[in-house]
Structures are given as structure tokens and as C-alpha cells.
Amino acid sequence: MRWDAPSLVDDVFPSRPRIARHAVRRTIGPTTIYEVQARSVIEPVPQGTGLPYRWGVSPYRGCASACLYCPGRRAHRRMGLDGGAGYGTQIVARTNAARRLRAELARPSWTGEPIAVGIGGDCYQPAERTYRLMPQVVAALRDAGNPFTVLTKSPLVLRDAGLLAEAGQYAQARVMVSVGFVDDRLRRMVEPGAVSPQKRLEVCAALNEARVPCGVLLAPVLPCLTDSSDQLRAAVRRAAEAGAVEVTPVVLTLPPGAREWYLRWLAEEHPGLLPRYTELYASGPLAAPAYRARIEAEVAQLAALYGIGRSARRWRRRRSPARQLALL
């Protein structure tokens, strides 16, 4: 297996990662945090992520959710950190993110394009409880009147619901909760540090009730594992139940770093699927265009069926005491 990335360790101090040369290192439980000063925070979103955004801001690099498929694993490797098992326990906190963001939003060359927050790691992962970078980031985007979308799997986003609702008065501000599938058994295998799909859907419901537009990023759709018609229907129906304002499918991408880690797991758990994956991803990190088009068309049909994105729905969510979406 080849890696097109620098060595994991500092050439002068081989016992430590290179990023440690210019970072303050702190330990919080099993997690090592590297505090750094970012030179720039508005960055182009790599095409290999498959996400429908052009610009992103990442207050954190690395992610406690430790999703096997996360494209951020490659960037971790470039920083000299472990892009495999250590991806969920070695987190980079860009402590000056909000200050740099304000400066970059004020540049005459910045055209005010929409920004996705949380591309390189969940911006509401546990480290955010300590560093509280997101209120400042949201405030910077609000004050600039710049449209933005927060990407997260974490219930911690509810802490900032009031601020997010306020930001929505000055620019388009929304949250997209990532729920690629509703099978919690599979979640424990490929998203070991994330909360259950049900809890993420409850977050979606709570944000919409707090007047923060929230949709569902159906990401990732895992070929041969979560892409059947029944599985897609279940995920979209549950998104509709949560009041999602939109649902956007993103098929699994396998850029270098994530590719090796995910396929290693697949070989152990579902070796019979490897030939199909080899076929789908023969041309690079994105799945074959025909496959992606089929998933996108099917999800669009299901979203229309369940009325997602319309104020008047043919299908309305039904709630009973036994199925009430809890807020905790």
C-alpha cells in the first residue's frame, strides 16, 4: 500500500508527529489535542469528498466519530498524525479559527459564497465542549451576512440553536445532520464514535422546532450495504418524520487514506463485496457515475413522495406517545 503523504513523524524528533513542532499538546481523557494557529481557514472542499459544497471551514481536524470512510483521514496523515486507528483520538483544534475567519470574510476578494462548516472533522465533536470555537465561528458568519451550512452528527449543536436561529435572520443559515442509514448495528461498526441515527434524527427535529432549518445529509450511502430500495426508503421516511427541510444523498467516496482503512474492514466483514467495490471505484475516489445517478434519482423520488422540502405535504409525520421523538 502506497501513501502519497509525508512521514508520520518529525525527522528531527522521531518520537513525535511533525505537527507537534508548532502545536500546544493537551490530553483530555484518551484524546490528544493539538492546539494550532491556522494561517487560513476558508479552504476549497476537495472533490474527493463527494460533498456538494465549494468552500469549507474546519475548526477541528480529526474526529471522535472515527468513521471508517472519513475523507479527512488523508489530511491527518499529511499532518504527520495517524490516519488509521488514531484518527478519532488525535484531534487538531484551530484555536484562532474565528479570528482568521473574520479577517478572510472581510477581504475584498471574498465574494460571499456559501460555506460549509465541519468538512475536516465534526465541528461539534466532544473537543468543542472544551474549546467552544463554534459560537465564535457562527457569530463571524452572522456578522458578515455570509450564507453557511453546519455539518454534524452531534447533539451538541443544540447548545447553539439560539445563535444559529439568530444568524438565519442575516443570511441563509442551516444545519445538515449526517444520517447515511438507520441501521444502528452497522453504525457501531463503521461509525463507532457517533451517536445513533435515531439521536441524530431527534437533533434534526429539535433544530427545526427551534426555527433552525435542518436537513439530512444521506451520507454516505454504502454500496451493497445500505443502498437497497427498502433501506433508502426507510432513511428518507425517517428524515421526513424528523421534519427535515431537505435530504441530500452522497454516495461513499474512497480517497486515499479512507480507501485503505474502509476496504480493510470490508475485507474482514464482507469479503464477497470486494469485487463489486473494485468495479465501482475503478476510476478513482468517486463511485461510477451511473451508480451515483441511480441513487440520487431514487432519493429524489422518495423525498418527493414524503413531501420533504414542501410546506404542504401529502404525507405528514405521525406521532404517538410510543414514537414521540425525544429531545434527549
C-alpha atoms as a PDB file:
ATOM      1  CA  MET A   1       0.000   0.000   0.000  1.00  0.00           C
ATOM      2  CA  ARG A   2       1.468   3.363  -1.035  1.00  0.00           C
ATOM      3  CA  TRP A   3       0.862   6.659   0.736  1.00  0.00           C
ATOM      4  CA  ASP A   4       1.384   9.935  -1.129  1.00  0.00           C
ATOM      5  CA  ALA A   5       1.957  11.777   2.142  1.00  0.00           C
ATOM      6  CA  PRO A   6       4.889  12.870   4.315  1.00  0.00           C
ATOM      7  CA  SER A   7       6.337  10.707   7.035  1.00  0.00           C
ATOM      8  CA  LEU A   8       4.245  10.231  10.141  1.00  0.00           C
ATOM      9  CA  VAL A   9       6.970  11.539  12.410  1.00  0.00           C
ATOM     10  CA  ASP A  10       9.233  14.538  12.807  1.00  0.00           C
ATOM     11  CA  ASP A  11      12.609  13.937  11.129  1.00  0.00           C
ATOM     12  CA  VAL A  12      14.464  15.683  13.965  1.00  0.00           C
ATOM     13  CA  PHE A  13      12.393  14.297  16.863  1.00  0.00           C
ATOM     14  CA  PRO A  14      11.291  10.897  15.541  1.00  0.00           C
ATOM     15  CA  SER A  15       9.176  10.055  18.591  1.00  0.00           C
ATOM     16  CA  ARG A  16       6.600  12.764  17.893  1.00  0.00           C
ATOM     17  CA  PRO A  17       4.377  13.767  14.939  1.00  0.00           C
ATOM     18  CA  ARG A  18       5.568  16.687  12.845  1.00  0.00           C
ATOM     19  CA  ILE A  19       2.621  18.864  13.855  1.00  0.00           C
ATOM     20  CA  ALA A  20       3.933  18.864  17.437  1.00  0.00           C
ATOM     21  CA  ARG A  21       6.696  21.254  16.370  1.00  0.00           C
ATOM     22  CA  HIS A  22       4.229  24.155  16.264  1.00  0.00           C
ATOM     23  CA  ALA A  23       1.329  22.991  18.424  1.00  0.00           C
ATOM     24  CA  VAL A  24       0.430  23.032  22.093  1.00  0.00           C
ATOM     25  CA  ARG A  25      -0.349  19.461  23.088  1.00  0.00           C
ATOM     26  CA  ARG A  26      -3.054  18.712  25.651  1.00  0.00           C
ATOM     27  CA  THR A  27      -4.636  15.474  26.828  1.00  0.00           C
ATOM     28  CA  ILE A  28      -8.358  15.122  27.557  1.00  0.00           C
ATOM     29  CA  GLY A  29      -9.109  11.567  28.647  1.00  0.00           C
ATOM     30  CA  PRO A  30      -7.991   9.220  25.841  1.00  0.00           C
ATOM     31  CA  THR A  31      -7.789  12.096  23.339  1.00  0.00           C
ATOM     32  CA  THR A  32      -4.711  14.133  22.461  1.00  0.00           C
ATOM     33  CA  ILE A  33      -5.489  17.670  21.302  1.00  0.00           C
ATOM     34  CA  TYR A  34      -3.009  19.656  19.229  1.00  0.00           C
ATOM     35  CA  GLU A  35      -3.784  23.375  19.518  1.00  0.00           C
ATOM     36  CA  VAL A  36      -2.602  25.258  16.437  1.00  0.00           C
ATOM     37  CA  GLN A  37      -2.870  28.717  14.906  1.00  0.00           C
ATOM     38  CA  ALA A  38      -4.310  28.387  11.422  1.00  0.00           C
ATOM     39  CA  ARG A  39      -2.891  30.573   8.672  1.00  0.00           C
ATOM     40  CA  SER A  40      -6.093  30.289   6.645  1.00  0.00           C
ATOM     41  CA  VAL A  41      -9.482  28.748   7.420  1.00  0.00           C
ATOM     42  CA  ILE A  42     -11.639  29.214   4.300  1.00  0.00           C
ATOM     43  CA  GLU A  43     -10.478  26.322   2.151  1.00  0.00           C
ATOM     44  CA  PRO A  44     -11.677  24.656  -1.056  1.00  0.00           C
ATOM     45  CA  VAL A  45     -13.571  21.428  -0.420  1.00  0.00           C
ATOM     46  CA  PRO A  46     -11.645  18.537  -2.019  1.00  0.00           C
ATOM     47  CA  GLN A  47     -13.524  16.957  -4.907  1.00  0.00           C
ATOM     48  CA  GLY A  48     -12.837  13.524  -3.457  1.00  0.00           C
ATOM     49  CA  THR A  49     -15.306  14.128  -0.611  1.00  0.00           C
ATOM     50  CA  GLY A  50     -18.306  13.997  -2.942  1.00  0.00           C
ATOM     51  CA  LEU A  51     -19.953  16.774  -0.921  1.00  0.00           C
ATOM     52  CA  PRO A  52     -21.994  19.440  -2.754  1.00  0.00           C
ATOM     53  CA  TYR A  53     -20.026  22.385  -1.350  1.00  0.00           C
ATOM     54  CA  ARG A  54     -17.246  24.510  -2.815  1.00  0.00           C
ATOM     55  CA  TRP A  55     -15.800  26.188   0.297  1.00  0.00           C
ATOM     56  CA  GLY A  56     -15.373  24.863   3.810  1.00  0.00           C
ATOM     57  CA  VAL A  57     -14.228  25.895   7.283  1.00  0.00           C
ATOM     58  CA  SER A  58     -12.912  23.273   9.703  1.00  0.00           C
ATOM     59  CA  PRO A  59     -12.354  24.395  13.316  1.00  0.00           C
ATOM     60  CA  TYR A  60     -11.150  20.846  14.035  1.00  0.00           C
ATOM     61  CA  ARG A  61      -9.143  18.265  12.112  1.00  0.00           C
ATOM     62  CA  GLY A  62      -9.718  14.654  13.004  1.00  0.00           C
ATOM     63  CA  CYS A  63     -12.967  13.429  14.500  1.00  0.00           C
ATOM     64  CA  ALA A  64     -14.046  11.467  17.564  1.00  0.00           C
ATOM     65  CA  SER A  65     -16.714   9.708  15.493  1.00  0.00           C
ATOM     66  CA  ALA A  66     -13.820   7.788  13.875  1.00  0.00           C
ATOM     67  CA  CYS A  67     -15.890   6.863  10.819  1.00  0.00           C
ATOM     68  CA  LEU A  68     -14.020   4.291   8.739  1.00  0.00           C
ATOM     69  CA  TYR A  69     -14.852   6.082   5.498  1.00  0.00           C
ATOM     70  CA  CYS A  70     -13.979   9.656   6.529  1.00  0.00           C
ATOM     71  CA  PRO A  71     -12.043  11.511   3.763  1.00  0.00           C
ATOM     72  CA  GLY A  72     -10.295  13.531   6.497  1.00  0.00           C
ATOM     73  CA  ARG A  73      -8.002  10.589   7.203  1.00  0.00           C
ATOM     74  CA  ARG A  74      -5.764  11.612   4.315  1.00  0.00           C
ATOM     75  CA  ALA A  75      -5.262  15.136   5.685  1.00  0.00           C
ATOM     76  CA  HIS A  76      -4.431  13.646   9.084  1.00  0.00           C
ATOM     77  CA  ARG A  77      -1.672  11.640   7.505  1.00  0.00           C
ATOM     78  CA  ARG A  78      -0.282  14.769   5.840  1.00  0.00           C
ATOM     79  CA  MET A  79      -0.011  16.456   9.234  1.00  0.00           C
ATOM     80  CA  GLY A  80       2.088  13.569  10.493  1.00  0.00           C
ATOM     81  CA  LEU A  81      -0.714  12.062  12.559  1.00  0.00           C
ATOM     82  CA  ASP A  82      -2.129   8.556  12.488  1.00  0.00           C
ATOM     83  CA  GLY A  83      -4.785   8.468   9.778  1.00  0.00           C
ATOM     84  CA  GLY A  84      -5.869   4.993  10.871  1.00  0.00           C
ATOM     85  CA  ALA A  85      -6.593   3.941  14.437  1.00  0.00           C
ATOM     86  CA  GLY A  86      -5.507   7.317  15.836  1.00  0.00           C
ATOM     87  CA  TYR A  87      -7.856   9.392  13.687  1.00  0.00           C
ATOM     88  CA  GLY A  88     -10.502   9.547  16.412  1.00  0.00           C
ATOM     89  CA  THR A  89      -8.115  10.258  19.307  1.00  0.00           C
ATOM     90  CA  GLN A  90      -5.655  12.745  17.774  1.00  0.00           C
ATOM     91  CA  ILE A  91      -7.568  15.971  17.198  1.00  0.00           C
ATOM     92  CA  VAL A  92      -6.252  19.279  15.874  1.00  0.00           C
ATOM     93  CA  ALA A  93      -8.020  22.349  17.299  1.00  0.00           C
ATOM     94  CA  ARG A  94      -7.556  25.539  15.278  1.00  0.00           C
ATOM     95  CA  THR A  95      -7.984  27.883  18.206  1.00  0.00           C
ATOM     96  CA  ASN A  96      -7.839  31.074  16.124  1.00  0.00           C
ATOM     97  CA  ALA A  97     -10.441  29.843  13.622  1.00  0.00           C
ATOM     98  CA  ALA A  98     -12.989  32.584  14.295  1.00  0.00           C
ATOM     99  CA  ARG A  99     -10.437  35.405  14.212  1.00  0.00           C
ATOM    100  CA  ARG A 100      -8.996  34.202  10.916  1.00  0.00           C
ATOM    101  CA  LEU A 101     -12.492  33.690   9.529  1.00  0.00           C
ATOM    102  CA  ARG A 102     -13.472  37.296  10.270  1.00  0.00           C
ATOM    103  CA  ALA A 103     -10.343  38.537   8.522  1.00  0.00           C
ATOM    104  CA  GLU A 104     -10.906  36.380   5.449  1.00  0.00           C
ATOM    105  CA  LEU A 105     -14.604  37.241   5.165  1.00  0.00           C
ATOM    106  CA  ALA A 106     -13.639  40.937   5.181  1.00  0.00           C
ATOM    107  CA  ARG A 107     -11.226  40.616   2.263  1.00  0.00           C
ATOM    108  CA  PRO A 108     -12.322  42.481  -0.884  1.00  0.00           C
ATOM    109  CA  SER A 109     -11.550  39.350  -2.897  1.00  0.00           C
ATOM    110  CA  TRP A 110     -14.052  37.241  -0.957  1.00  0.00           C
ATOM    111  CA  THR A 111     -17.308  37.052  -2.913  1.00  0.00           C
ATOM    112  CA  GLY A 112     -19.614  35.816  -0.154  1.00  0.00           C
ATOM    113  CA  GLU A 113     -20.090  32.273  -1.450  1.00  0.00           C
ATOM    114  CA  PRO A 114     -21.790  29.723   0.824  1.00  0.00           C
ATOM    115  CA  ILE A 115     -19.512  27.992   3.327  1.00  0.00           C
ATOM    116  CA  ALA A 116     -19.807  24.503   4.810  1.00  0.00           C
ATOM    117  CA  VAL A 117     -18.595  24.299   8.416  1.00  0.00           C
ATOM    118  CA  GLY A 118     -17.168  20.993   9.622  1.00  0.00           C
ATOM    119  CA  ILE A 119     -15.617  19.480   6.499  1.00  0.00           C
ATOM    120  CA  GLY A 120     -12.368  18.234   8.085  1.00  0.00           C
ATOM    121  CA  GLY A 121     -13.933  16.922  11.296  1.00  0.00           C
ATOM    122  CA  ASP A 122     -17.237  17.252  13.138  1.00  0.00           C
ATOM    123  CA  CYS A 123     -17.377  20.825  14.430  1.00  0.00           C
ATOM    124  CA  TYR A 124     -19.479  19.693  17.422  1.00  0.00           C
ATOM    125  CA  GLN A 125     -17.395  16.707  18.470  1.00  0.00           C
ATOM    126  CA  PRO A 126     -16.511  16.334  22.195  1.00  0.00           C
ATOM    127  CA  ALA A 127     -13.495  18.688  21.961  1.00  0.00           C
ATOM    128  CA  GLU A 128     -15.962  21.513  21.269  1.00  0.00           C
ATOM    129  CA  ARG A 129     -17.246  21.221  24.839  1.00  0.00           C
ATOM    130  CA  THR A 130     -13.817  22.393  25.969  1.00  0.00           C
ATOM    131  CA  TYR A 131     -12.813  24.848  23.246  1.00  0.00           C
ATOM    132  CA  ARG A 132     -16.189  26.401  22.329  1.00  0.00           C
ATOM    133  CA  LEU A 133     -14.967  27.522  18.901  1.00  0.00           C
ATOM    134  CA  MET A 134     -18.325  27.239  17.146  1.00  0.00           C
ATOM    135  CA  PRO A 135     -20.209  30.139  18.800  1.00  0.00           C
ATOM    136  CA  GLN A 136     -17.435  32.447  17.613  1.00  0.00           C
ATOM    137  CA  VAL A 137     -17.411  30.917  14.124  1.00  0.00           C
ATOM    138  CA  VAL A 138     -21.194  31.234  13.783  1.00  0.00           C
ATOM    139  CA  ALA A 139     -21.049  34.821  15.076  1.00  0.00           C
ATOM    140  CA  ALA A 140     -18.396  35.703  12.473  1.00  0.00           C
ATOM    141  CA  LEU A 141     -20.548  34.318   9.656  1.00  0.00           C
ATOM    142  CA  ARG A 142     -23.636  36.062  11.064  1.00  0.00           C
ATOM    143  CA  ASP A 143     -21.882  39.427  11.318  1.00  0.00           C
ATOM    144  CA  ALA A 144     -20.618  39.110   7.736  1.00  0.00           C
ATOM    145  CA  GLY A 145     -24.051  38.044   6.483  1.00  0.00           C
ATOM    146  CA  ASN A 146     -22.404  35.089   4.764  1.00  0.00           C
ATOM    147  CA  PRO A 147     -24.555  32.027   3.992  1.00  0.00           C
ATOM    148  CA  PHE A 148     -23.381  28.826   5.651  1.00  0.00           C
ATOM    149  CA  THR A 149     -24.281  25.230   6.421  1.00  0.00           C
ATOM    150  CA  VAL A 150     -23.159  23.368   9.525  1.00  0.00           C
ATOM    151  CA  LEU A 151     -22.408  19.660   9.024  1.00  0.00           C
ATOM    152  CA  THR A 152     -22.585  17.460  12.114  1.00  0.00           C
ATOM    153  CA  LYS A 153     -23.590  14.168  13.685  1.00  0.00           C
ATOM    154  CA  SER A 154     -23.564  15.544  17.225  1.00  0.00           C
ATOM    155  CA  PRO A 155     -26.395  16.583  19.598  1.00  0.00           C
ATOM    156  CA  LEU A 156     -24.049  19.302  20.932  1.00  0.00           C
ATOM    157  CA  VAL A 157     -25.231  21.517  18.068  1.00  0.00           C
ATOM    158  CA  LEU A 158     -28.422  22.073  20.090  1.00  0.00           C
ATOM    159  CA  ARG A 159     -26.382  24.170  22.507  1.00  0.00           C
ATOM    160  CA  ASP A 160     -26.084  26.840  19.801  1.00  0.00           C
ATOM    161  CA  ALA A 161     -29.629  26.606  18.444  1.00  0.00           C
ATOM    162  CA  GLY A 162     -30.467  30.156  19.551  1.00  0.00           C
ATOM    163  CA  LEU A 163     -27.356  31.596  17.910  1.00  0.00           C
ATOM    164  CA  LEU A 164     -27.973  29.654  14.716  1.00  0.00           C
ATOM    165  CA  ALA A 165     -31.579  30.899  14.587  1.00  0.00           C
ATOM    166  CA  GLU A 166     -30.325  34.458  15.054  1.00  0.00           C
ATOM    167  CA  ALA A 167     -27.750  34.039  12.275  1.00  0.00           C
ATOM    168  CA  GLY A 168     -30.581  32.962   9.994  1.00  0.00           C
ATOM    169  CA  GLN A 169     -32.044  36.465  10.245  1.00  0.00           C
ATOM    170  CA  TYR A 170     -28.996  37.899   8.454  1.00  0.00           C
ATOM    171  CA  ALA A 171     -28.064  35.180   5.963  1.00  0.00           C
ATOM    172  CA  GLN A 172     -29.118  31.716   4.923  1.00  0.00           C
ATOM    173  CA  ALA A 173     -28.012  29.516   7.825  1.00  0.00           C
ATOM    174  CA  ARG A 174     -28.871  25.876   8.126  1.00  0.00           C
ATOM    175  CA  VAL A 175     -27.696  22.601   9.604  1.00  0.00           C
ATOM    176  CA  MET A 176     -27.319  19.294   7.795  1.00  0.00           C
ATOM    177  CA  VAL A 177     -27.276  16.275  10.095  1.00  0.00           C
ATOM    178  CA  SER A 178     -25.432  13.329   8.584  1.00  0.00           C
ATOM    179  CA  VAL A 179     -27.567  10.164   8.630  1.00  0.00           C
ATOM    180  CA  GLY A 180     -26.441   7.824   5.886  1.00  0.00           C
ATOM    181  CA  PHE A 181     -28.544   4.890   7.075  1.00  0.00           C
ATOM    182  CA  VAL A 182     -30.748   3.915  10.016  1.00  0.00           C
ATOM    183  CA  ASP A 183     -29.198   0.526  10.838  1.00  0.00           C
ATOM    184  CA  ASP A 184     -27.626   1.047  14.276  1.00  0.00           C
ATOM    185  CA  ARG A 185     -25.811  -2.298  14.179  1.00  0.00           C
ATOM    186  CA  LEU A 186     -23.936  -1.147  11.080  1.00  0.00           C
ATOM    187  CA  ARG A 187     -23.365   2.264  12.672  1.00  0.00           C
ATOM    188  CA  ARG A 188     -21.495   0.642  15.563  1.00  0.00           C
ATOM    189  CA  MET A 189     -19.125  -0.933  13.044  1.00  0.00           C
ATOM    190  CA  VAL A 190     -18.402   1.917  10.619  1.00  0.00           C
ATOM    191  CA  GLU A 191     -19.168   4.976  12.807  1.00  0.00           C
ATOM    192  CA  PRO A 192     -18.032   3.704  16.220  1.00  0.00           C
ATOM    193  CA  GLY A 193     -17.785   7.084  17.944  1.00  0.00           C
ATOM    194  CA  ALA A 194     -21.003   8.614  16.601  1.00  0.00           C
ATOM    195  CA  VAL A 195     -24.390   8.696  18.304  1.00  0.00           C
ATOM    196  CA  SER A 196     -27.157   6.507  16.903  1.00  0.00           C
ATOM    197  CA  PRO A 197     -29.079   7.501  13.755  1.00  0.00           C
ATOM    198  CA  GLN A 198     -32.183   7.910  15.931  1.00  0.00           C
ATOM    199  CA  LYS A 199     -30.473  10.508  18.129  1.00  0.00           C
ATOM    200  CA  ARG A 200     -29.296  12.400  15.049  1.00  0.00           C
ATOM    201  CA  LEU A 201     -32.848  12.469  13.706  1.00  0.00           C
ATOM    202  CA  GLU A 202     -34.013  13.775  17.078  1.00  0.00           C
ATOM    203  CA  VAL A 203     -31.449  16.571  16.699  1.00  0.00           C
ATOM    204  CA  CYS A 204     -32.951  17.393  13.291  1.00  0.00           C
ATOM    205  CA  ALA A 205     -36.442  17.552  14.796  1.00  0.00           C
ATOM    206  CA  ALA A 206     -35.314  19.718  17.719  1.00  0.00           C
ATOM    207  CA  LEU A 207     -33.488  22.208  15.474  1.00  0.00           C
ATOM    208  CA  ASN A 208     -36.459  22.634  13.167  1.00  0.00           C
ATOM    209  CA  GLU A 209     -38.716  23.180  16.159  1.00  0.00           C
ATOM    210  CA  ALA A 210     -36.203  25.842  17.320  1.00  0.00           C
ATOM    211  CA  ARG A 211     -36.585  27.591  13.928  1.00  0.00           C
ATOM    212  CA  VAL A 212     -33.207  26.462  12.652  1.00  0.00           C
ATOM    213  CA  PRO A 213     -33.688  24.916   9.182  1.00  0.00           C
ATOM    214  CA  CYS A 214     -32.202  21.432   9.351  1.00  0.00           C
ATOM    215  CA  GLY A 215     -31.939  18.803   6.663  1.00  0.00           C
ATOM    216  CA  VAL A 216     -30.456  15.340   6.431  1.00  0.00           C
ATOM    217  CA  LEU A 217     -27.264  14.583   4.568  1.00  0.00           C
ATOM    218  CA  LEU A 218     -27.866  10.992   3.497  1.00  0.00           C
ATOM    219  CA  ALA A 219     -24.165  10.335   3.717  1.00  0.00           C
ATOM    220  CA  PRO A 220     -22.656   8.080   2.972  1.00  0.00           C
ATOM    221  CA  VAL A 221     -24.751   5.602   1.054  1.00  0.00           C
ATOM    222  CA  LEU A 222     -22.656   2.423   1.279  1.00  0.00           C
ATOM    223  CA  PRO A 223     -22.791   0.322  -1.913  1.00  0.00           C
ATOM    224  CA  CYS A 224     -24.252  -3.159  -1.371  1.00  0.00           C
ATOM    225  CA  LEU A 225     -24.791  -2.415   2.337  1.00  0.00           C
ATOM    226  CA  THR A 226     -27.272   0.468   2.619  1.00  0.00           C
ATOM    227  CA  ASP A 227     -28.359   1.120  -0.985  1.00  0.00           C
ATOM    228  CA  SER A 228     -31.363  -1.180  -1.398  1.00  0.00           C
ATOM    229  CA  SER A 229     -34.726   0.396  -2.155  1.00  0.00           C
ATOM    230  CA  ASP A 230     -36.061  -0.609   1.261  1.00  0.00           C
ATOM    231  CA  GLN A 231     -33.078   0.849   3.094  1.00  0.00           C
ATOM    232  CA  LEU A 232     -33.211   4.144   1.192  1.00  0.00           C
ATOM    233  CA  ARG A 233     -36.961   4.375   1.747  1.00  0.00           C
ATOM    234  CA  ALA A 234     -36.535   3.795   5.493  1.00  0.00           C
ATOM    235  CA  ALA A 235     -33.869   6.500   5.772  1.00  0.00           C
ATOM    236  CA  VAL A 236     -35.841   9.083   3.786  1.00  0.00           C
ATOM    237  CA  ARG A 237     -39.075   8.293   5.652  1.00  0.00           C
ATOM    238  CA  ARG A 238     -37.335   8.757   8.979  1.00  0.00           C
ATOM    239  CA  ALA A 239     -35.880  12.059   7.759  1.00  0.00           C
ATOM    240  CA  ALA A 240     -39.389  13.185   6.846  1.00  0.00           C
ATOM    241  CA  GLU A 241     -40.607  12.197  10.310  1.00  0.00           C
ATOM    242  CA  ALA A 242     -37.943  14.464  11.794  1.00  0.00           C
ATOM    243  CA  GLY A 243     -39.190  17.378   9.680  1.00  0.00           C
ATOM    244  CA  ALA A 244     -36.066  17.575   7.526  1.00  0.00           C
ATOM    245  CA  VAL A 245     -36.210  20.559   5.169  1.00  0.00           C
ATOM    246  CA  GLU A 246     -34.173  18.665   2.588  1.00  0.00           C
ATOM    247  CA  VAL A 247     -32.403  15.360   2.080  1.00  0.00           C
ATOM    248  CA  THR A 248     -29.180  15.200   0.069  1.00  0.00           C
ATOM    249  CA  PRO A 249     -27.670  11.821  -0.823  1.00  0.00           C
ATOM    250  CA  VAL A 250     -23.898  11.384  -1.001  1.00  0.00           C
ATOM    251  CA  VAL A 251     -22.547   8.033  -2.144  1.00  0.00           C
ATOM    252  CA  LEU A 252     -19.480   6.724  -0.331  1.00  0.00           C
ATOM    253  CA  THR A 253     -16.220   8.177  -1.615  1.00  0.00           C
ATOM    254  CA  LEU A 254     -12.898   6.426  -1.162  1.00  0.00           C
ATOM    255  CA  PRO A 255      -9.980   8.856  -1.451  1.00  0.00           C
ATOM    256  CA  PRO A 256      -6.514   7.669  -0.384  1.00  0.00           C
ATOM    257  CA  GLY A 257      -6.362   7.149   3.358  1.00  0.00           C
ATOM    258  CA  ALA A 258     -10.047   6.404   3.767  1.00  0.00           C
ATOM    259  CA  ARG A 259      -9.876   3.869   0.944  1.00  0.00           C
ATOM    260  CA  GLU A 260      -7.309   1.633   2.664  1.00  0.00           C
ATOM    261  CA  TRP A 261      -8.987   1.824   6.061  1.00  0.00           C
ATOM    262  CA  TYR A 262     -12.525   1.150   4.815  1.00  0.00           C
ATOM    263  CA  LEU A 263     -11.551  -1.636   2.421  1.00  0.00           C
ATOM    264  CA  ARG A 264      -9.577  -3.358   5.163  1.00  0.00           C
ATOM    265  CA  TRP A 265     -12.761  -3.509   7.235  1.00  0.00           C
ATOM    266  CA  LEU A 266     -14.796  -4.628   4.216  1.00  0.00           C
ATOM    267  CA  ALA A 267     -12.342  -7.459   3.526  1.00  0.00           C
ATOM    268  CA  GLU A 268     -12.778  -8.687   7.099  1.00  0.00           C
ATOM    269  CA  GLU A 269     -16.561  -8.355   7.362  1.00  0.00           C
ATOM    270  CA  HIS A 270     -17.845  -8.684   3.779  1.00  0.00           C
ATOM    271  CA  PRO A 271     -15.085 -10.134   1.579  1.00  0.00           C
ATOM    272  CA  GLY A 272     -17.595 -11.118  -1.105  1.00  0.00           C
ATOM    273  CA  LEU A 273     -18.279  -7.447  -1.820  1.00  0.00           C
ATOM    274  CA  LEU A 274     -14.705  -6.551  -2.756  1.00  0.00           C
ATOM    275  CA  PRO A 275     -15.096  -7.343  -6.489  1.00  0.00           C
ATOM    276  CA  ARG A 276     -18.128  -5.056  -6.713  1.00  0.00           C
ATOM    277  CA  TYR A 277     -16.238  -2.237  -4.962  1.00  0.00           C
ATOM    278  CA  THR A 278     -13.290  -2.743  -7.293  1.00  0.00           C
ATOM    279  CA  GLU A 279     -15.671  -2.281 -10.199  1.00  0.00           C
ATOM    280  CA  LEU A 280     -17.470   0.756  -8.759  1.00  0.00           C
ATOM    281  CA  TYR A 281     -14.291   2.599  -7.725  1.00  0.00           C
ATOM    282  CA  ALA A 282     -12.042   1.604 -10.631  1.00  0.00           C
ATOM    283  CA  SER A 283     -11.665   5.212 -11.811  1.00  0.00           C
ATOM    284  CA  GLY A 284     -10.891   6.967  -8.535  1.00  0.00           C
ATOM    285  CA  PRO A 285     -12.444   8.001  -5.221  1.00  0.00           C
ATOM    286  CA  LEU A 286     -15.936   8.556  -6.628  1.00  0.00           C
ATOM    287  CA  ALA A 287     -18.260   5.671  -7.429  1.00  0.00           C
ATOM    288  CA  ALA A 288     -19.219   5.056 -11.064  1.00  0.00           C
ATOM    289  CA  PRO A 289     -21.382   7.917 -12.436  1.00  0.00           C
ATOM    290  CA  ALA A 290     -24.280   5.639 -13.385  1.00  0.00           C
ATOM    291  CA  TYR A 291     -24.454   4.238  -9.864  1.00  0.00           C
ATOM    292  CA  ARG A 292     -24.420   7.709  -8.276  1.00  0.00           C
ATOM    293  CA  ALA A 293     -27.101   8.925 -10.686  1.00  0.00           C
ATOM    294  CA  ARG A 294     -29.333   5.972  -9.786  1.00  0.00           C
ATOM    295  CA  ILE A 295     -29.039   6.659  -6.038  1.00  0.00           C
ATOM    296  CA  GLU A 296     -29.655  10.396  -6.473  1.00  0.00           C
ATOM    297  CA  ALA A 297     -32.736   9.793  -8.644  1.00  0.00           C
ATOM    298  CA  GLU A 298     -34.218   7.262  -6.245  1.00  0.00           C
ATOM    299  CA  VAL A 299     -33.687   9.504  -3.212  1.00  0.00           C
ATOM    300  CA  ALA A 300     -35.210  12.464  -5.069  1.00  0.00           C
ATOM    301  CA  GLN A 301     -38.318  10.399  -5.820  1.00  0.00           C
ATOM    302  CA  LEU A 302     -38.601   9.300  -2.191  1.00  0.00           C
ATOM    303  CA  ALA A 303     -38.154  12.869  -0.946  1.00  0.00           C
ATOM    304  CA  ALA A 304     -40.979  13.992  -3.222  1.00  0.00           C
ATOM    305  CA  LEU A 305     -43.161  11.111  -2.052  1.00  0.00           C
ATOM    306  CA  TYR A 306     -42.752  12.046   1.597  1.00  0.00           C
ATOM    307  CA  GLY A 307     -43.050  15.771   0.940  1.00  0.00           C
ATOM    308  CA  ILE A 308     -39.598  16.799   2.096  1.00  0.00           C
ATOM    309  CA  GLY A 309     -38.905  20.410   1.232  1.00  0.00           C
ATOM    310  CA  ARG A 310     -42.550  21.406   0.834  1.00  0.00           C
ATOM    311  CA  SER A 311     -44.625  23.289   3.376  1.00  0.00           C
ATOM    312  CA  ALA A 312     -47.742  21.299   2.455  1.00  0.00           C
ATOM    313  CA  ARG A 313     -47.027  17.591   2.442  1.00  0.00           C
ATOM    314  CA  ARG A 314     -49.040  14.754   1.026  1.00  0.00           C
ATOM    315  CA  TRP A 315     -47.535  12.602   3.739  1.00  0.00           C
ATOM    316  CA  ARG A 316     -47.442  14.030   7.247  1.00  0.00           C
ATOM    317  CA  ARG A 317     -45.364  12.709  10.084  1.00  0.00           C
ATOM    318  CA  ARG A 318     -47.364  10.784  12.615  1.00  0.00           C
ATOM    319  CA  ARG A 319     -46.503  10.934  16.260  1.00  0.00           C
ATOM    320  CA  SER A 320     -47.831   8.863  19.088  1.00  0.00           C
ATOM    321  CA  PRO A 321     -46.721   8.609  22.721  1.00  0.00           C
ATOM    322  CA  ALA A 322     -44.871   5.410  21.805  1.00  0.00           C
ATOM    323  CA  ARG A 323     -42.987   7.021  18.896  1.00  0.00           C
ATOM    324  CA  GLN A 324     -42.533  10.619  20.081  1.00  0.00           C
ATOM    325  CA  LEU A 325     -39.087  11.882  19.129  1.00  0.00           C
ATOM    326  CA  ALA A 326     -37.286  12.642  22.366  1.00  0.00           C
ATOM    327  CA  LEU A 327     -35.053  15.683  22.733  1.00  0.00           C
ATOM    328  CA  LEU A 328     -32.517  13.995  24.995  1.00  0.00           C
END
